[in-house]
Amino acid sequence: QFFTQINYYFDSADFQLRKRRMGLRVRVLSDNAEITLKIP
């Protein structure tokens, strides 16, 4: 029932996203993937 996913996180050198409490990731699973921007 367990599956593996790898999250790759992106931000600018001056952490523009982190400063706004946002996150940006590319998630890779065995047969699909997605890019997600999270905004509070």
Full PDB file with SEQRES, HELIX, SHEET, SSBOND, CRYST1, ORIGX, SCALE, CONECT and MASTER records, all heavy atoms in Angstrom:
SEQRES   1 A   40  GLN PHE PHE THR GLN ILE ASN TYR TYR PHE ASP SER ALA          
SEQRES   2 A   40  ASP PHE GLN LEU ARG LYS ARG ARG MET GLY LEU ARG VAL          
SEQRES   3 A   40  ARG VAL LEU SER ASP ASN ALA GLU ILE THR LEU LYS ILE          
SEQRES   4 A   40  PRO                                                          
HELIX    1 AA1 GLN A   16  LYS A   19  1                                   4    
SHEET    1 AA1 3 ILE A   6  PHE A  10  0                                        
SHEET    2 AA1 3 GLY A  23  VAL A  28 -1                                        
SHEET    3 AA1 3 ALA A  33  LYS A  38 -1                                        
CRYST1    1.000    1.000    1.000  90.00  90.00  90.00 P 1           1          
ORIGX1      1.000000  0.000000  0.000000        0.00000                         
ORIGX2      0.000000  1.000000  0.000000        0.00000                         
ORIGX3      0.000000  0.000000  1.000000        0.00000                         
SCALE1      1.000000  0.000000  0.000000        0.00000                         
SCALE2      0.000000  1.000000  0.000000        0.00000                         
SCALE3      0.000000  0.000000  1.000000        0.00000                         
ATOM      1  N   GLN A   1       0.823  -1.212   0.000  1.00  0.00           N  
ATOM      2  CA  GLN A   1       0.000   0.000   0.000  1.00  0.00           C  
ATOM      3  C   GLN A   1       0.861   1.269   0.000  1.00  0.00           C  
ATOM      4  O   GLN A   1       0.363   2.355  -0.261  1.00  0.00           O  
ATOM      5  CB  GLN A   1      -0.931   0.020   1.217  1.00  0.00           C  
ATOM      6  CG  GLN A   1      -2.055  -0.999   1.132  1.00  0.00           C  
ATOM      7  CD  GLN A   1      -2.868  -1.014   2.405  1.00  0.00           C  
ATOM      8  OE1 GLN A   1      -2.569  -1.746   3.342  1.00  0.00           O  
ATOM      9  NE2 GLN A   1      -3.899  -0.193   2.441  1.00  0.00           N  
ATOM     10  N   PHE A   2       2.146   1.136   0.284  1.00  0.00           N  
ATOM     11  CA  PHE A   2       3.045   2.292   0.304  1.00  0.00           C  
ATOM     12  C   PHE A   2       3.575   2.563  -1.105  1.00  0.00           C  
ATOM     13  O   PHE A   2       3.839   1.641  -1.868  1.00  0.00           O  
ATOM     14  CB  PHE A   2       4.216   2.049   1.265  1.00  0.00           C  
ATOM     15  CG  PHE A   2       3.845   2.177   2.711  1.00  0.00           C  
ATOM     16  CD1 PHE A   2       3.325   1.098   3.413  1.00  0.00           C  
ATOM     17  CD2 PHE A   2       3.988   3.388   3.380  1.00  0.00           C  
ATOM     18  CE1 PHE A   2       2.966   1.213   4.749  1.00  0.00           C  
ATOM     19  CE2 PHE A   2       3.634   3.518   4.713  1.00  0.00           C  
ATOM     20  CZ  PHE A   2       3.123   2.422   5.405  1.00  0.00           C  
ATOM     21  N   PHE A   3       3.703   3.833  -1.433  1.00  0.00           N  
ATOM     22  CA  PHE A   3       4.290   4.239  -2.708  1.00  0.00           C  
ATOM     23  C   PHE A   3       5.296   5.347  -2.426  1.00  0.00           C  
ATOM     24  O   PHE A   3       5.245   6.004  -1.386  1.00  0.00           O  
ATOM     25  CB  PHE A   3       3.217   4.699  -3.703  1.00  0.00           C  
ATOM     26  CG  PHE A   3       2.362   5.845  -3.224  1.00  0.00           C  
ATOM     27  CD1 PHE A   3       2.711   7.161  -3.514  1.00  0.00           C  
ATOM     28  CD2 PHE A   3       1.216   5.603  -2.471  1.00  0.00           C  
ATOM     29  CE1 PHE A   3       1.929   8.223  -3.066  1.00  0.00           C  
ATOM     30  CE2 PHE A   3       0.423   6.670  -2.018  1.00  0.00           C  
ATOM     31  CZ  PHE A   3       0.785   7.971  -2.314  1.00  0.00           C  
ATOM     32  N   THR A   4       6.214   5.532  -3.360  1.00  0.00           N  
ATOM     33  CA  THR A   4       7.278   6.516  -3.167  1.00  0.00           C  
ATOM     34  C   THR A   4       7.028   7.736  -4.043  1.00  0.00           C  
ATOM     35  O   THR A   4       6.630   7.608  -5.209  1.00  0.00           O  
ATOM     36  CB  THR A   4       8.653   5.901  -3.499  1.00  0.00           C  
ATOM     37  OG1 THR A   4       8.862   4.799  -2.620  1.00  0.00           O  
ATOM     38  CG2 THR A   4       9.777   6.908  -3.315  1.00  0.00           C  
ATOM     39  N   GLN A   5       7.256   8.900  -3.462  1.00  0.00           N  
ATOM     40  CA  GLN A   5       7.190  10.148  -4.222  1.00  0.00           C  
ATOM     41  C   GLN A   5       8.405  10.991  -3.847  1.00  0.00           C  
ATOM     42  O   GLN A   5       8.868  10.954  -2.706  1.00  0.00           O  
ATOM     43  CB  GLN A   5       5.891  10.905  -3.935  1.00  0.00           C  
ATOM     44  CG  GLN A   5       5.680  11.254  -2.481  1.00  0.00           C  
ATOM     45  CD  GLN A   5       4.282  11.786  -2.200  1.00  0.00           C  
ATOM     46  OE1 GLN A   5       3.325  11.448  -2.874  1.00  0.00           O  
ATOM     47  NE2 GLN A   5       4.174  12.633  -1.193  1.00  0.00           N  
ATOM     48  N   ILE A   6       8.929  11.705  -4.823  1.00  0.00           N  
ATOM     49  CA  ILE A   6      10.058  12.601  -4.563  1.00  0.00           C  
ATOM     50  C   ILE A   6       9.592  14.024  -4.845  1.00  0.00           C  
ATOM     51  O   ILE A   6       9.054  14.315  -5.910  1.00  0.00           O  
ATOM     52  CB  ILE A   6      11.282  12.256  -5.440  1.00  0.00           C  
ATOM     53  CG1 ILE A   6      11.670  10.795  -5.247  1.00  0.00           C  
ATOM     54  CG2 ILE A   6      12.462  13.172  -5.083  1.00  0.00           C  
ATOM     55  CD1 ILE A   6      12.765  10.323  -6.190  1.00  0.00           C  
ATOM     56  N   ASN A   7       9.765  14.886  -3.845  1.00  0.00           N  
ATOM     57  CA  ASN A   7       9.437  16.308  -3.986  1.00  0.00           C  
ATOM     58  C   ASN A   7      10.728  17.084  -4.221  1.00  0.00           C  
ATOM     59  O   ASN A   7      11.666  16.964  -3.438  1.00  0.00           O  
ATOM     60  CB  ASN A   7       8.771  16.844  -2.714  1.00  0.00           C  
ATOM     61  CG  ASN A   7       7.387  16.278  -2.494  1.00  0.00           C  
ATOM     62  OD1 ASN A   7       6.745  15.793  -3.405  1.00  0.00           O  
ATOM     63  ND2 ASN A   7       6.928  16.341  -1.270  1.00  0.00           N  
ATOM     64  N   TYR A   8      10.740  17.885  -5.286  1.00  0.00           N  
ATOM     65  CA  TYR A   8      11.860  18.776  -5.577  1.00  0.00           C  
ATOM     66  C   TYR A   8      11.359  20.196  -5.360  1.00  0.00           C  
ATOM     67  O   TYR A   8      10.355  20.602  -5.955  1.00  0.00           O  
ATOM     68  CB  TYR A   8      12.325  18.595  -7.023  1.00  0.00           C  
ATOM     69  CG  TYR A   8      12.874  17.219  -7.304  1.00  0.00           C  
ATOM     70  CD1 TYR A   8      12.057  16.226  -7.824  1.00  0.00           C  
ATOM     71  CD2 TYR A   8      14.203  16.913  -7.047  1.00  0.00           C  
ATOM     72  CE1 TYR A   8      12.554  14.952  -8.081  1.00  0.00           C  
ATOM     73  CE2 TYR A   8      14.713  15.636  -7.303  1.00  0.00           C  
ATOM     74  CZ  TYR A   8      13.879  14.670  -7.813  1.00  0.00           C  
ATOM     75  OH  TYR A   8      14.364  13.412  -8.067  1.00  0.00           O  
ATOM     76  N   TYR A   9      12.037  20.941  -4.493  1.00  0.00           N  
ATOM     77  CA  TYR A   9      11.574  22.277  -4.105  1.00  0.00           C  
ATOM     78  C   TYR A   9      12.380  23.370  -4.799  1.00  0.00           C  
ATOM     79  O   TYR A   9      13.601  23.244  -4.958  1.00  0.00           O  
ATOM     80  CB  TYR A   9      11.673  22.438  -2.591  1.00  0.00           C  
ATOM     81  CG  TYR A   9      10.794  21.453  -1.857  1.00  0.00           C  
ATOM     82  CD1 TYR A   9      11.337  20.345  -1.218  1.00  0.00           C  
ATOM     83  CD2 TYR A   9       9.416  21.627  -1.818  1.00  0.00           C  
ATOM     84  CE1 TYR A   9      10.526  19.433  -0.563  1.00  0.00           C  
ATOM     85  CE2 TYR A   9       8.601  20.720  -1.159  1.00  0.00           C  
ATOM     86  CZ  TYR A   9       9.163  19.625  -0.533  1.00  0.00           C  
ATOM     87  OH  TYR A   9       8.358  18.726   0.105  1.00  0.00           O  
ATOM     88  N   PHE A  10      11.672  24.447  -5.153  1.00  0.00           N  
ATOM     89  CA  PHE A  10      12.276  25.575  -5.861  1.00  0.00           C  
ATOM     90  C   PHE A  10      12.013  26.869  -5.097  1.00  0.00           C  
ATOM     91  O   PHE A  10      10.966  27.046  -4.481  1.00  0.00           O  
ATOM     92  CB  PHE A  10      11.678  25.703  -7.270  1.00  0.00           C  
ATOM     93  CG  PHE A  10      12.067  24.577  -8.188  1.00  0.00           C  
ATOM     94  CD1 PHE A  10      11.439  23.347  -8.121  1.00  0.00           C  
ATOM     95  CD2 PHE A  10      13.078  24.752  -9.119  1.00  0.00           C  
ATOM     96  CE1 PHE A  10      11.804  22.300  -8.963  1.00  0.00           C  
ATOM     97  CE2 PHE A  10      13.459  23.714  -9.974  1.00  0.00           C  
ATOM     98  CZ  PHE A  10      12.810  22.485  -9.888  1.00  0.00           C  
ATOM     99  N   ASP A  11      12.990  27.771  -5.150  1.00  0.00           N  
ATOM    100  CA  ASP A  11      12.829  29.130  -4.624  1.00  0.00           C  
ATOM    101  C   ASP A  11      13.922  29.978  -5.267  1.00  0.00           C  
ATOM    102  O   ASP A  11      14.810  29.461  -5.942  1.00  0.00           O  
ATOM    103  CB  ASP A  11      12.936  29.164  -3.092  1.00  0.00           C  
ATOM    104  CG  ASP A  11      12.208  30.366  -2.464  1.00  0.00           C  
ATOM    105  OD1 ASP A  11      11.988  31.378  -3.160  1.00  0.00           O  
ATOM    106  OD2 ASP A  11      11.884  30.285  -1.272  1.00  0.00           O  
ATOM    107  N   SER A  12      13.874  31.280  -5.041  1.00  0.00           N  
ATOM    108  CA  SER A  12      14.914  32.174  -5.566  1.00  0.00           C  
ATOM    109  C   SER A  12      16.076  32.220  -4.570  1.00  0.00           C  
ATOM    110  O   SER A  12      15.949  31.781  -3.424  1.00  0.00           O  
ATOM    111  CB  SER A  12      14.348  33.579  -5.772  1.00  0.00           C  
ATOM    112  OG  SER A  12      13.909  34.096  -4.530  1.00  0.00           O  
ATOM    113  N   ALA A  13      17.191  32.763  -5.014  1.00  0.00           N  
ATOM    114  CA  ALA A  13      18.365  32.871  -4.141  1.00  0.00           C  
ATOM    115  C   ALA A  13      18.045  33.703  -2.898  1.00  0.00           C  
ATOM    116  O   ALA A  13      18.586  33.457  -1.822  1.00  0.00           O  
ATOM    117  CB  ALA A  13      19.537  33.481  -4.910  1.00  0.00           C  
ATOM    118  N   ASP A  14      17.140  34.687  -3.040  1.00  0.00           N  
ATOM    119  CA  ASP A  14      16.777  35.519  -1.884  1.00  0.00           C  
ATOM    120  C   ASP A  14      15.464  35.052  -1.229  1.00  0.00           C  
ATOM    121  O   ASP A  14      14.843  35.776  -0.460  1.00  0.00           O  
ATOM    122  CB  ASP A  14      16.694  36.999  -2.285  1.00  0.00           C  
ATOM    123  CG  ASP A  14      15.691  37.253  -3.396  1.00  0.00           C  
ATOM    124  OD1 ASP A  14      15.142  36.274  -3.971  1.00  0.00           O  
ATOM    125  OD2 ASP A  14      15.429  38.439  -3.699  1.00  0.00           O  
ATOM    126  N   PHE A  15      15.035  33.847  -1.547  1.00  0.00           N  
ATOM    127  CA  PHE A  15      13.877  33.183  -0.924  1.00  0.00           C  
ATOM    128  C   PHE A  15      12.588  34.004  -0.995  1.00  0.00           C  
ATOM    129  O   PHE A  15      11.891  34.181  -0.005  1.00  0.00           O  
ATOM    130  CB  PHE A  15      14.200  32.778   0.523  1.00  0.00           C  
ATOM    131  CG  PHE A  15      15.325  31.777   0.595  1.00  0.00           C  
ATOM    132  CD1 PHE A  15      16.583  32.170   1.034  1.00  0.00           C  
ATOM    133  CD2 PHE A  15      15.134  30.466   0.193  1.00  0.00           C  
ATOM    134  CE1 PHE A  15      17.629  31.264   1.066  1.00  0.00           C  
ATOM    135  CE2 PHE A  15      16.171  29.545   0.230  1.00  0.00           C  
ATOM    136  CZ  PHE A  15      17.421  29.936   0.674  1.00  0.00           C  
ATOM    137  N   GLN A  16      12.276  34.465  -2.222  1.00  0.00           N  
ATOM    138  CA  GLN A  16      11.039  35.235  -2.421  1.00  0.00           C  
ATOM    139  C   GLN A  16       9.797  34.446  -2.012  1.00  0.00           C  
ATOM    140  O   GLN A  16       8.863  35.006  -1.441  1.00  0.00           O  
ATOM    141  CB  GLN A  16      10.904  35.633  -3.897  1.00  0.00           C  
ATOM    142  CG  GLN A  16      11.926  36.643  -4.366  1.00  0.00           C  
ATOM    143  CD  GLN A  16      11.791  36.877  -5.859  1.00  0.00           C  
ATOM    144  OE1 GLN A  16      10.692  37.119  -6.359  1.00  0.00           O  
ATOM    145  NE2 GLN A  16      12.895  36.794  -6.580  1.00  0.00           N  
ATOM    146  N   LEU A  17       9.778  33.152  -2.313  1.00  0.00           N  
ATOM    147  CA  LEU A  17       8.602  32.344  -1.982  1.00  0.00           C  
ATOM    148  C   LEU A  17       8.502  32.124  -0.470  1.00  0.00           C  
ATOM    149  O   LEU A  17       7.432  32.297   0.118  1.00  0.00           O  
ATOM    150  CB  LEU A  17       8.644  30.994  -2.712  1.00  0.00           C  
ATOM    151  CG  LEU A  17       8.562  31.070  -4.237  1.00  0.00           C  
ATOM    152  CD1 LEU A  17       8.726  29.692  -4.854  1.00  0.00           C  
ATOM    153  CD2 LEU A  17       7.250  31.699  -4.686  1.00  0.00           C  
ATOM    154  N   ARG A  18       9.599  31.739   0.133  1.00  0.00           N  
ATOM    155  CA  ARG A  18       9.586  31.463   1.578  1.00  0.00           C  
ATOM    156  C   ARG A  18       9.146  32.697   2.362  1.00  0.00           C  
ATOM    157  O   ARG A  18       8.380  32.602   3.317  1.00  0.00           O  
ATOM    158  CB  ARG A  18      10.952  30.974   2.058  1.00  0.00           C  
ATOM    159  CG  ARG A  18      10.905  30.550   3.536  1.00  0.00           C  
ATOM    160  CD  ARG A  18      12.189  29.985   4.011  1.00  0.00           C  
ATOM    161  NE  ARG A  18      13.164  31.058   4.163  1.00  0.00           N  
ATOM    162  CZ  ARG A  18      14.424  30.876   4.447  1.00  0.00           C  
ATOM    163  NH1 ARG A  18      14.915  29.667   4.578  1.00  0.00           N  
ATOM    164  NH2 ARG A  18      15.241  31.894   4.594  1.00  0.00           N  
ATOM    165  N   LYS A  19       9.624  33.870   1.948  1.00  0.00           N  
ATOM    166  CA  LYS A  19       9.263  35.114   2.641  1.00  0.00           C  
ATOM    167  C   LYS A  19       7.749  35.361   2.600  1.00  0.00           C  
ATOM    168  O   LYS A  19       7.202  36.007   3.474  1.00  0.00           O  
ATOM    169  CB  LYS A  19      10.009  36.303   2.037  1.00  0.00           C  
ATOM    170  CG  LYS A  19      11.484  36.320   2.398  1.00  0.00           C  
ATOM    171  CD  LYS A  19      12.227  37.420   1.662  1.00  0.00           C  
ATOM    172  CE  LYS A  19      13.721  37.355   1.946  1.00  0.00           C  
ATOM    173  NZ  LYS A  19      14.494  38.189   1.037  1.00  0.00           N  
ATOM    174  N   ARG A  20       7.093  34.821   1.567  1.00  0.00           N  
ATOM    175  CA  ARG A  20       5.637  34.975   1.437  1.00  0.00           C  
ATOM    176  C   ARG A  20       4.900  33.727   1.916  1.00  0.00           C  
ATOM    177  O   ARG A  20       3.714  33.583   1.663  1.00  0.00           O  
ATOM    178  CB  ARG A  20       5.300  35.280  -0.019  1.00  0.00           C  
ATOM    179  CG  ARG A  20       5.838  36.651  -0.427  1.00  0.00           C  
ATOM    180  CD  ARG A  20       5.923  36.807  -1.923  1.00  0.00           C  
ATOM    181  NE  ARG A  20       4.712  37.371  -2.491  1.00  0.00           N  
ATOM    182  CZ  ARG A  20       4.633  37.850  -3.714  1.00  0.00           C  
ATOM    183  NH1 ARG A  20       5.685  37.846  -4.504  1.00  0.00           N  
ATOM    184  NH2 ARG A  20       3.500  38.329  -4.165  1.00  0.00           N  
ATOM    185  N   ARG A  21       5.637  32.822   2.579  1.00  0.00           N  
ATOM    186  CA  ARG A  21       5.100  31.573   3.130  1.00  0.00           C  
ATOM    187  C   ARG A  21       4.499  30.680   2.052  1.00  0.00           C  
ATOM    188  O   ARG A  21       3.553  29.934   2.284  1.00  0.00           O  
ATOM    189  CB  ARG A  21       4.092  31.866   4.252  1.00  0.00           C  
ATOM    190  CG  ARG A  21       4.752  32.594   5.422  1.00  0.00           C  
ATOM    191  CD  ARG A  21       3.836  32.936   6.580  1.00  0.00           C  
ATOM    192  NE  ARG A  21       2.933  31.887   6.976  1.00  0.00           N  
ATOM    193  CZ  ARG A  21       1.599  32.003   6.999  1.00  0.00           C  
ATOM    194  NH1 ARG A  21       1.017  33.130   6.654  1.00  0.00           N  
ATOM    195  NH2 ARG A  21       0.843  31.006   7.384  1.00  0.00           N  
ATOM    196  N   MET A  22       5.062  30.777   0.840  1.00  0.00           N  
ATOM    197  CA  MET A  22       4.605  29.953  -0.278  1.00  0.00           C  
ATOM    198  C   MET A  22       5.624  28.843  -0.516  1.00  0.00           C  
ATOM    199  O   MET A  22       6.774  28.933  -0.075  1.00  0.00           O  
ATOM    200  CB  MET A  22       4.442  30.813  -1.540  1.00  0.00           C  
ATOM    201  CG  MET A  22       3.395  31.893  -1.380  1.00  0.00           C  
ATOM    202  SD  MET A  22       2.959  32.800  -2.889  1.00  0.00           S  
ATOM    203  CE  MET A  22       4.499  33.294  -3.545  1.00  0.00           C  
ATOM    204  N   GLY A  23       5.176  27.811  -1.202  1.00  0.00           N  
ATOM    205  CA  GLY A  23       6.068  26.719  -1.559  1.00  0.00           C  
ATOM    206  C   GLY A  23       5.833  26.307  -3.004  1.00  0.00           C  
ATOM    207  O   GLY A  23       4.706  26.370  -3.501  1.00  0.00           O  
ATOM    208  N   LEU A  24       6.901  25.896  -3.668  1.00  0.00           N  
ATOM    209  CA  LEU A  24       6.809  25.442  -5.059  1.00  0.00           C  
ATOM    210  C   LEU A  24       7.563  24.130  -5.164  1.00  0.00           C  
ATOM    211  O   LEU A  24       8.737  24.046  -4.780  1.00  0.00           O  
ATOM    212  CB  LEU A  24       7.427  26.484  -5.999  1.00  0.00           C  
ATOM    213  CG  LEU A  24       7.446  26.131  -7.487  1.00  0.00           C  
ATOM    214  CD1 LEU A  24       6.025  25.984  -8.034  1.00  0.00           C  
ATOM    215  CD2 LEU A  24       8.204  27.187  -8.275  1.00  0.00           C  
ATOM    216  N   ARG A  25       6.863  23.109  -5.656  1.00  0.00           N  
ATOM    217  CA  ARG A  25       7.507  21.806  -5.762  1.00  0.00           C  
ATOM    218  C   ARG A  25       7.132  21.121  -7.064  1.00  0.00           C  
ATOM    219  O   ARG A  25       6.054  21.343  -7.622  1.00  0.00           O  
ATOM    220  CB  ARG A  25       7.104  20.907  -4.586  1.00  0.00           C  
ATOM    221  CG  ARG A  25       5.673  20.457  -4.680  1.00  0.00           C  
ATOM    222  CD  ARG A  25       5.350  19.223  -3.868  1.00  0.00           C  
ATOM    223  NE  ARG A  25       3.996  18.849  -4.180  1.00  0.00           N  
ATOM    224  CZ  ARG A  25       3.002  18.780  -3.307  1.00  0.00           C  
ATOM    225  NH1 ARG A  25       3.219  19.010  -2.034  1.00  0.00           N  
ATOM    226  NH2 ARG A  25       1.793  18.433  -3.703  1.00  0.00           N  
ATOM    227  N   VAL A  26       8.039  20.258  -7.496  1.00  0.00           N  
ATOM    228  CA  VAL A  26       7.751  19.286  -8.538  1.00  0.00           C  
ATOM    229  C   VAL A  26       7.734  17.940  -7.834  1.00  0.00           C  
ATOM    230  O   VAL A  26       8.706  17.578  -7.161  1.00  0.00           O  
ATOM    231  CB  VAL A  26       8.823  19.311  -9.655  1.00  0.00           C  
ATOM    232  CG1 VAL A  26       8.627  18.143 -10.608  1.00  0.00           C  
ATOM    233  CG2 VAL A  26       8.783  20.640 -10.401  1.00  0.00           C  
ATOM    234  N   ARG A  27       6.608  17.232  -7.938  1.00  0.00           N  
ATOM    235  CA  ARG A  27       6.471  15.920  -7.291  1.00  0.00           C  
ATOM    236  C   ARG A  27       6.496  14.847  -8.368  1.00  0.00           C  
ATOM    237  O   ARG A  27       5.742  14.913  -9.331  1.00  0.00           O  
ATOM    238  CB  ARG A  27       5.163  15.846  -6.505  1.00  0.00           C  
ATOM    239  CG  ARG A  27       4.880  14.449  -5.956  1.00  0.00           C  
ATOM    240  CD  ARG A  27       3.678  14.435  -5.053  1.00  0.00           C  
ATOM    241  NE  ARG A  27       4.070  14.984  -3.750  1.00  0.00           N  
ATOM    242  CZ  ARG A  27       3.205  15.262  -2.786  1.00  0.00           C  
ATOM    243  NH1 ARG A  27       1.912  15.075  -2.966  1.00  0.00           N  
ATOM    244  NH2 ARG A  27       3.636  15.731  -1.627  1.00  0.00           N  
ATOM    245  N   VAL A  28       7.360  13.855  -8.167  1.00  0.00           N  
ATOM    246  CA  VAL A  28       7.502  12.765  -9.134  1.00  0.00           C  
ATOM    247  C   VAL A  28       7.115  11.445  -8.467  1.00  0.00           C  
ATOM    248  O   VAL A  28       7.665  11.090  -7.424  1.00  0.00           O  
ATOM    249  CB  VAL A  28       8.955  12.684  -9.666  1.00  0.00           C  
ATOM    250  CG1 VAL A  28       9.076  11.583 -10.710  1.00  0.00           C  
ATOM    251  CG2 VAL A  28       9.392  14.021 -10.251  1.00  0.00           C  
ATOM    252  N   LEU A  29       6.161  10.760  -9.072  1.00  0.00           N  
ATOM    253  CA  LEU A  29       5.770   9.419  -8.648  1.00  0.00           C  
ATOM    254  C   LEU A  29       6.221   8.439  -9.730  1.00  0.00           C  
ATOM    255  O   LEU A  29       6.850   8.842 -10.704  1.00  0.00           O  
ATOM    256  CB  LEU A  29       4.254   9.348  -8.428  1.00  0.00           C  
ATOM    257  CG  LEU A  29       3.773  10.211  -7.257  1.00  0.00           C  
ATOM    258  CD1 LEU A  29       3.073  11.456  -7.741  1.00  0.00           C  
ATOM    259  CD2 LEU A  29       2.873   9.410  -6.343  1.00  0.00           C  
ATOM    260  N   SER A  30       5.874   7.178  -9.586  1.00  0.00           N  
ATOM    261  CA  SER A  30       6.368   6.186 -10.549  1.00  0.00           C  
ATOM    262  C   SER A  30       5.792   6.389 -11.946  1.00  0.00           C  
ATOM    263  O   SER A  30       6.477   6.171 -12.938  1.00  0.00           O  
ATOM    264  CB  SER A  30       6.070   4.769 -10.068  1.00  0.00           C  
ATOM    265  OG  SER A  30       4.668   4.582  -9.971  1.00  0.00           O  
ATOM    266  N   ASP A  31       4.521   6.845 -12.037  1.00  0.00           N  
ATOM    267  CA  ASP A  31       3.898   6.918 -13.362  1.00  0.00           C  
ATOM    268  C   ASP A  31       3.313   8.286 -13.708  1.00  0.00           C  
ATOM    269  O   ASP A  31       2.685   8.446 -14.744  1.00  0.00           O  
ATOM    270  CB  ASP A  31       2.817   5.846 -13.487  1.00  0.00           C  
ATOM    271  CG  ASP A  31       1.753   5.967 -12.407  1.00  0.00           C  
ATOM    272  OD1 ASP A  31       1.908   6.821 -11.491  1.00  0.00           O  
ATOM    273  OD2 ASP A  31       0.756   5.222 -12.468  1.00  0.00           O  
ATOM    274  N   ASN A  32       3.494   9.277 -12.837  1.00  0.00           N  
ATOM    275  CA  ASN A  32       3.033  10.629 -13.163  1.00  0.00           C  
ATOM    276  C   ASN A  32       3.776  11.633 -12.292  1.00  0.00           C  
ATOM    277  O   ASN A  32       4.528  11.249 -11.393  1.00  0.00           O  
ATOM    278  CB  ASN A  32       1.516  10.767 -12.998  1.00  0.00           C  
ATOM    279  CG  ASN A  32       1.052  10.562 -11.578  1.00  0.00           C  
ATOM    280  OD1 ASN A  32       1.283  11.403 -10.716  1.00  0.00           O  
ATOM    281  ND2 ASN A  32       0.397   9.438 -11.317  1.00  0.00           N  
ATOM    282  N   ALA A  33       3.537  12.902 -12.585  1.00  0.00           N  
ATOM    283  CA  ALA A  33       4.218  13.970 -11.846  1.00  0.00           C  
ATOM    284  C   ALA A  33       3.348  15.223 -11.910  1.00  0.00           C  
ATOM    285  O   ALA A  33       2.390  15.292 -12.686  1.00  0.00           O  
ATOM    286  CB  ALA A  33       5.594  14.237 -12.451  1.00  0.00           C  
ATOM    287  N   GLU A  34       3.701  16.203 -11.082  1.00  0.00           N  
ATOM    288  CA  GLU A  34       2.975  17.470 -11.101  1.00  0.00           C  
ATOM    289  C   GLU A  34       3.869  18.563 -10.548  1.00  0.00           C  
ATOM    290  O   GLU A  34       4.825  18.299  -9.823  1.00  0.00           O  
ATOM    291  CB  GLU A  34       1.677  17.383 -10.283  1.00  0.00           C  
ATOM    292  CG  GLU A  34       1.900  17.202  -8.798  1.00  0.00           C  
ATOM    293  CD  GLU A  34       0.615  17.081  -7.985  1.00  0.00           C  
ATOM    294  OE1 GLU A  34      -0.479  17.152  -8.556  1.00  0.00           O  
ATOM    295  OE2 GLU A  34       0.724  16.926  -6.758  1.00  0.00           O  
ATOM    296  N   ILE A  35       3.528  19.785 -10.919  1.00  0.00           N  
ATOM    297  CA  ILE A  35       4.160  20.955 -10.317  1.00  0.00           C  
ATOM    298  C   ILE A  35       3.066  21.667  -9.530  1.00  0.00           C  
ATOM    299  O   ILE A  35       1.938  21.812 -10.019  1.00  0.00           O  
ATOM    300  CB  ILE A  35       4.825  21.866 -11.379  1.00  0.00           C  
ATOM    301  CG1 ILE A  35       5.569  23.023 -10.707  1.00  0.00           C  
ATOM    302  CG2 ILE A  35       3.839  22.344 -12.415  1.00  0.00           C  
ATOM    303  CD1 ILE A  35       6.472  23.806 -11.658  1.00  0.00           C  
ATOM    304  N   THR A  36       3.386  22.054  -8.293  1.00  0.00           N  
ATOM    305  CA  THR A  36       2.385  22.647  -7.403  1.00  0.00           C  
ATOM    306  C   THR A  36       2.952  23.885  -6.735  1.00  0.00           C  
ATOM    307  O   THR A  36       4.055  23.857  -6.196  1.00  0.00           O  
ATOM    308  CB  THR A  36       1.963  21.636  -6.308  1.00  0.00           C  
ATOM    309  OG1 THR A  36       1.479  20.451  -6.931  1.00  0.00           O  
ATOM    310  CG2 THR A  36       0.892  22.217  -5.408  1.00  0.00           C  
ATOM    311  N   LEU A  37       2.169  24.952  -6.768  1.00  0.00           N  
ATOM    312  CA  LEU A  37       2.463  26.172  -6.022  1.00  0.00           C  
ATOM    313  C   LEU A  37       1.460  26.230  -4.882  1.00  0.00           C  
ATOM    314  O   LEU A  37       0.253  26.118  -5.099  1.00  0.00           O  
ATOM    315  CB  LEU A  37       2.304  27.400  -6.928  1.00  0.00           C  
ATOM    316  CG  LEU A  37       2.513  28.771  -6.269  1.00  0.00           C  
ATOM    317  CD1 LEU A  37       3.950  28.934  -5.773  1.00  0.00           C  
ATOM    318  CD2 LEU A  37       2.141  29.890  -7.239  1.00  0.00           C  
ATOM    319  N   LYS A  38       1.958  26.360  -3.637  1.00  0.00           N  
ATOM    320  CA  LYS A  38       1.089  26.439  -2.461  1.00  0.00           C  
ATOM    321  C   LYS A  38       1.144  27.866  -1.911  1.00  0.00           C  
ATOM    322  O   LYS A  38       2.231  28.381  -1.654  1.00  0.00           O  
ATOM    323  CB  LYS A  38       1.523  25.444  -1.384  1.00  0.00           C  
ATOM    324  CG  LYS A  38       1.341  23.996  -1.814  1.00  0.00           C  
ATOM    325  CD  LYS A  38       1.549  23.055  -0.652  1.00  0.00           C  
ATOM    326  CE  LYS A  38       1.299  21.618  -1.047  1.00  0.00           C  
ATOM    327  NZ  LYS A  38       1.099  20.751   0.125  1.00  0.00           N  
ATOM    328  N   ILE A  39      -0.047  28.433  -1.732  1.00  0.00           N  
ATOM    329  CA  ILE A  39      -0.168  29.821  -1.269  1.00  0.00           C  
ATOM    330  C   ILE A  39      -1.046  29.831  -0.018  1.00  0.00           C  
ATOM    331  O   ILE A  39      -2.151  29.282  -0.036  1.00  0.00           O  
ATOM    332  CB  ILE A  39      -0.815  30.705  -2.366  1.00  0.00           C  
ATOM    333  CG1 ILE A  39       0.014  30.645  -3.652  1.00  0.00           C  
ATOM    334  CG2 ILE A  39      -0.976  32.137  -1.886  1.00  0.00           C  
ATOM    335  CD1 ILE A  39      -0.656  31.276  -4.850  1.00  0.00           C  
ATOM    336  N   PRO A  40      -0.568  30.451   1.084  1.00  0.00           N  
ATOM    337  CA  PRO A  40      -1.382  30.458   2.304  1.00  0.00           C  
ATOM    338  C   PRO A  40      -2.689  31.233   2.126  1.00  0.00           C  
ATOM    339  O   PRO A  40      -2.713  32.281   1.485  1.00  0.00           O  
ATOM    340  CB  PRO A  40      -0.494  31.131   3.352  1.00  0.00           C  
ATOM    341  CG  PRO A  40       0.707  31.625   2.650  1.00  0.00           C  
ATOM    342  CD  PRO A  40       0.684  31.163   1.234  1.00  0.00           C  
TER     343      PRO A  40                                                      
MASTER        0    0    0    1    3    0    0    6  342    1    0    4          
END                                                                             
